N, C-alpha and C. Protein backbone atom coordinates (compact mmCIF):
# COMPACT_ATOMS: atom_id res chain seq x y z
N MET A 1 89.50 -239.12 107.51
CA MET A 1 90.24 -240.29 107.11
C MET A 1 90.58 -241.15 108.32
N ARG A 2 90.84 -240.50 109.44
CA ARG A 2 91.10 -241.26 110.67
C ARG A 2 89.86 -242.08 111.04
N PHE A 3 88.67 -241.49 110.91
CA PHE A 3 87.43 -242.20 111.20
C PHE A 3 87.30 -243.44 110.32
N VAL A 4 87.60 -243.30 109.04
CA VAL A 4 87.53 -244.43 108.11
C VAL A 4 88.51 -245.51 108.55
N SER A 5 89.73 -245.12 108.84
CA SER A 5 90.75 -246.10 109.26
C SER A 5 90.36 -246.83 110.54
N GLU A 6 89.80 -246.09 111.48
CA GLU A 6 89.44 -246.69 112.77
C GLU A 6 88.20 -247.56 112.70
N ASN A 7 87.40 -247.43 111.65
CA ASN A 7 86.14 -248.17 111.56
C ASN A 7 86.05 -249.03 110.31
N LYS A 8 87.17 -249.37 109.71
CA LYS A 8 87.14 -250.09 108.44
C LYS A 8 86.71 -251.54 108.57
N GLU A 9 86.65 -252.07 109.76
CA GLU A 9 86.27 -253.46 109.95
C GLU A 9 84.77 -253.66 110.11
N LYS A 10 83.99 -252.58 110.15
CA LYS A 10 82.56 -252.70 110.33
C LYS A 10 81.85 -251.69 109.43
N PRO A 11 80.62 -251.98 109.06
CA PRO A 11 79.90 -251.03 108.21
C PRO A 11 79.69 -249.70 108.93
N VAL A 12 79.87 -248.62 108.19
CA VAL A 12 79.63 -247.30 108.75
C VAL A 12 78.90 -246.45 107.72
N PHE A 13 78.21 -245.47 108.23
CA PHE A 13 77.61 -244.45 107.38
C PHE A 13 78.31 -243.15 107.73
N LEU A 14 78.95 -242.56 106.76
CA LEU A 14 79.68 -241.32 106.99
C LEU A 14 79.09 -240.25 106.09
N TYR A 15 78.43 -239.29 106.71
CA TYR A 15 77.88 -238.15 105.99
C TYR A 15 78.78 -236.97 106.26
N LEU A 16 79.45 -236.53 105.23
CA LEU A 16 80.41 -235.45 105.36
C LEU A 16 79.80 -234.18 104.77
N ALA A 17 79.30 -233.33 105.64
CA ALA A 17 78.67 -232.08 105.21
C ALA A 17 79.65 -230.93 105.42
N LEU A 18 80.00 -230.29 104.35
CA LEU A 18 80.98 -229.20 104.40
C LEU A 18 80.28 -227.85 104.29
N ASN A 19 80.77 -226.88 105.00
CA ASN A 19 80.24 -225.53 104.86
C ASN A 19 80.73 -224.91 103.55
N ALA A 20 81.96 -225.18 103.20
CA ALA A 20 82.54 -224.60 101.99
C ALA A 20 81.85 -225.18 100.75
N PRO A 21 81.71 -224.44 99.70
CA PRO A 21 82.31 -223.16 99.43
C PRO A 21 81.39 -221.97 99.71
N HIS A 22 80.63 -222.04 100.73
CA HIS A 22 79.77 -220.92 101.10
C HIS A 22 80.55 -219.92 101.94
N GLY A 23 80.08 -218.68 101.95
CA GLY A 23 80.77 -217.63 102.69
C GLY A 23 80.69 -217.87 104.18
N PRO A 24 81.60 -217.31 104.91
CA PRO A 24 82.67 -216.44 104.43
C PRO A 24 83.76 -217.26 103.75
N TYR A 25 84.37 -216.69 102.77
CA TYR A 25 85.35 -217.40 101.94
C TYR A 25 86.75 -217.37 102.56
N TYR A 26 86.94 -218.16 103.61
CA TYR A 26 88.25 -218.27 104.24
C TYR A 26 89.00 -219.40 103.54
N VAL A 27 90.09 -219.06 102.91
CA VAL A 27 90.89 -220.06 102.20
C VAL A 27 92.35 -219.62 102.24
N PRO A 28 93.28 -220.55 102.46
CA PRO A 28 94.69 -220.16 102.41
C PRO A 28 95.04 -219.54 101.05
N VAL A 29 95.90 -218.57 101.08
CA VAL A 29 96.21 -217.79 99.88
C VAL A 29 96.70 -218.66 98.73
N GLU A 30 97.40 -219.75 99.03
CA GLU A 30 97.93 -220.59 97.95
C GLU A 30 96.82 -221.25 97.12
N TRP A 31 95.63 -221.40 97.68
CA TRP A 31 94.52 -221.98 96.93
C TRP A 31 93.82 -220.92 96.08
N ALA A 32 93.78 -219.69 96.54
CA ALA A 32 93.12 -218.63 95.80
C ALA A 32 94.02 -217.98 94.75
N LYS A 33 95.31 -218.01 94.97
CA LYS A 33 96.26 -217.29 94.11
C LYS A 33 96.13 -217.61 92.62
N PRO A 34 95.95 -218.87 92.21
CA PRO A 34 95.84 -219.13 90.77
C PRO A 34 94.66 -218.43 90.10
N TYR A 35 93.68 -218.04 90.87
CA TYR A 35 92.47 -217.42 90.32
C TYR A 35 92.47 -215.90 90.47
N GLN A 36 93.51 -215.36 91.09
CA GLN A 36 93.60 -213.92 91.34
C GLN A 36 94.24 -213.27 90.11
N VAL A 37 93.40 -212.75 89.22
CA VAL A 37 93.93 -212.14 88.00
C VAL A 37 94.01 -210.63 88.10
N ASP A 38 93.20 -210.02 88.94
CA ASP A 38 93.24 -208.58 89.17
C ASP A 38 92.54 -208.30 90.50
N PRO A 39 92.62 -207.07 91.01
CA PRO A 39 92.01 -206.78 92.33
C PRO A 39 90.51 -207.07 92.40
N GLU A 40 89.80 -206.90 91.32
CA GLU A 40 88.36 -207.13 91.33
C GLU A 40 88.00 -208.61 91.39
N SER A 41 88.94 -209.48 91.07
CA SER A 41 88.64 -210.91 91.07
C SER A 41 88.84 -211.57 92.44
N ALA A 42 89.22 -210.81 93.45
CA ALA A 42 89.53 -211.38 94.77
C ALA A 42 88.40 -212.23 95.35
N PRO A 43 87.15 -211.76 95.38
CA PRO A 43 86.09 -212.62 95.94
C PRO A 43 85.91 -213.91 95.15
N PHE A 44 86.02 -213.83 93.84
CA PHE A 44 85.87 -215.02 93.02
C PHE A 44 87.07 -215.95 93.20
N ALA A 45 88.25 -215.37 93.35
CA ALA A 45 89.45 -216.17 93.55
C ALA A 45 89.33 -217.00 94.82
N LYS A 46 88.81 -216.41 95.87
CA LYS A 46 88.63 -217.15 97.12
C LYS A 46 87.60 -218.26 96.95
N PHE A 47 86.51 -217.97 96.27
CA PHE A 47 85.47 -218.97 96.03
C PHE A 47 86.04 -220.15 95.23
N TYR A 48 86.72 -219.83 94.12
CA TYR A 48 87.29 -220.90 93.29
C TYR A 48 88.40 -221.63 94.03
N GLY A 49 89.15 -220.92 94.86
CA GLY A 49 90.17 -221.57 95.67
C GLY A 49 89.56 -222.56 96.65
N LEU A 50 88.42 -222.20 97.23
CA LEU A 50 87.72 -223.13 98.12
C LEU A 50 87.25 -224.36 97.36
N CYS A 51 86.72 -224.16 96.16
CA CYS A 51 86.27 -225.29 95.34
C CYS A 51 87.44 -226.22 95.02
N THR A 52 88.57 -225.63 94.66
CA THR A 52 89.76 -226.42 94.34
C THR A 52 90.24 -227.19 95.56
N ASN A 53 90.20 -226.54 96.73
CA ASN A 53 90.62 -227.20 97.96
C ASN A 53 89.69 -228.37 98.30
N ILE A 54 88.40 -228.17 98.11
CA ILE A 54 87.44 -229.27 98.34
C ILE A 54 87.75 -230.43 97.41
N ASP A 55 87.94 -230.15 96.13
CA ASP A 55 88.26 -231.21 95.16
C ASP A 55 89.52 -231.96 95.57
N HIS A 56 90.53 -231.23 96.00
CA HIS A 56 91.79 -231.84 96.42
C HIS A 56 91.56 -232.80 97.60
N ASN A 57 90.84 -232.31 98.60
CA ASN A 57 90.61 -233.13 99.80
C ASN A 57 89.67 -234.30 99.55
N MET A 58 88.70 -234.13 98.66
CA MET A 58 87.85 -235.27 98.29
C MET A 58 88.69 -236.32 97.57
N GLY A 59 89.66 -235.88 96.79
CA GLY A 59 90.58 -236.81 96.14
C GLY A 59 91.42 -237.58 97.15
N LEU A 60 91.87 -236.88 98.19
CA LEU A 60 92.61 -237.57 99.25
C LEU A 60 91.74 -238.60 99.96
N LEU A 61 90.49 -238.24 100.21
CA LEU A 61 89.57 -239.18 100.85
C LEU A 61 89.32 -240.38 99.95
N ARG A 62 89.13 -240.14 98.67
CA ARG A 62 88.91 -241.23 97.71
C ARG A 62 90.12 -242.17 97.67
N ALA A 63 91.32 -241.61 97.66
CA ALA A 63 92.53 -242.43 97.67
C ALA A 63 92.63 -243.25 98.96
N HIS A 64 92.21 -242.65 100.07
CA HIS A 64 92.22 -243.35 101.36
C HIS A 64 91.24 -244.52 101.34
N LEU A 65 90.06 -244.31 100.75
CA LEU A 65 89.09 -245.40 100.61
C LEU A 65 89.68 -246.51 99.74
N ASP A 66 90.33 -246.14 98.65
CA ASP A 66 90.98 -247.13 97.78
C ASP A 66 92.02 -247.93 98.55
N GLU A 67 92.84 -247.22 99.31
CA GLU A 67 93.92 -247.85 100.08
C GLU A 67 93.39 -248.91 101.04
N HIS A 68 92.21 -248.67 101.59
CA HIS A 68 91.64 -249.61 102.56
C HIS A 68 90.63 -250.57 101.93
N GLY A 69 90.51 -250.56 100.61
CA GLY A 69 89.62 -251.47 99.92
C GLY A 69 88.14 -251.19 100.18
N LEU A 70 87.80 -249.94 100.42
CA LEU A 70 86.43 -249.59 100.78
C LEU A 70 85.67 -248.84 99.67
N THR A 71 86.33 -248.56 98.57
CA THR A 71 85.72 -247.75 97.52
C THR A 71 84.45 -248.39 96.96
N ASP A 72 84.48 -249.69 96.73
CA ASP A 72 83.34 -250.36 96.10
C ASP A 72 82.13 -250.50 97.02
N ILE A 73 82.31 -250.27 98.30
CA ILE A 73 81.17 -250.38 99.23
C ILE A 73 80.86 -249.03 99.89
N THR A 74 81.34 -247.96 99.27
CA THR A 74 81.16 -246.62 99.83
C THR A 74 80.46 -245.73 98.82
N ILE A 75 79.50 -244.99 99.31
CA ILE A 75 78.87 -243.93 98.51
C ILE A 75 79.52 -242.63 98.94
N LEU A 76 80.11 -241.96 97.99
CA LEU A 76 80.81 -240.70 98.27
C LEU A 76 80.17 -239.61 97.43
N MET A 77 79.63 -238.61 98.11
CA MET A 77 78.97 -237.53 97.39
C MET A 77 79.02 -236.24 98.18
N THR A 78 78.77 -235.16 97.48
CA THR A 78 78.61 -233.87 98.10
C THR A 78 77.53 -233.12 97.35
N ASP A 79 76.84 -232.26 98.03
CA ASP A 79 75.81 -231.48 97.36
C ASP A 79 76.02 -229.99 97.62
N ASN A 80 77.27 -229.62 97.77
CA ASN A 80 77.58 -228.24 98.10
C ASN A 80 77.61 -227.37 96.85
N GLY A 81 76.42 -227.03 96.39
CA GLY A 81 76.33 -226.09 95.28
C GLY A 81 76.64 -224.69 95.76
N THR A 82 76.64 -223.79 94.85
CA THR A 82 77.01 -222.43 95.18
C THR A 82 75.81 -221.61 95.66
N ALA A 83 76.08 -220.73 96.58
CA ALA A 83 75.07 -219.75 96.99
C ALA A 83 75.25 -218.47 96.17
N ALA A 84 76.26 -218.46 95.30
CA ALA A 84 76.58 -217.27 94.53
C ALA A 84 75.85 -217.22 93.18
N GLY A 85 75.03 -218.22 92.88
CA GLY A 85 74.28 -218.19 91.63
C GLY A 85 74.90 -218.98 90.53
């Protein structure tokens, strides 16, 4: 978001490639907790927590683009499918 703010006066190409939600599944516990239904669900809880965290942060980025009037001239996408099948 800082990059967007610092470069909003000129055209930019921003390719945001995220490692998540691929392993290792490092995610703060508060993101995984809603998906932790039993001990066996722990790996899935971390995966879903990462997905939720990505969605949250993409929403923050989208709001930042809106705030700076850049949404209509920005292509925002991700192709981070799952490696888990």
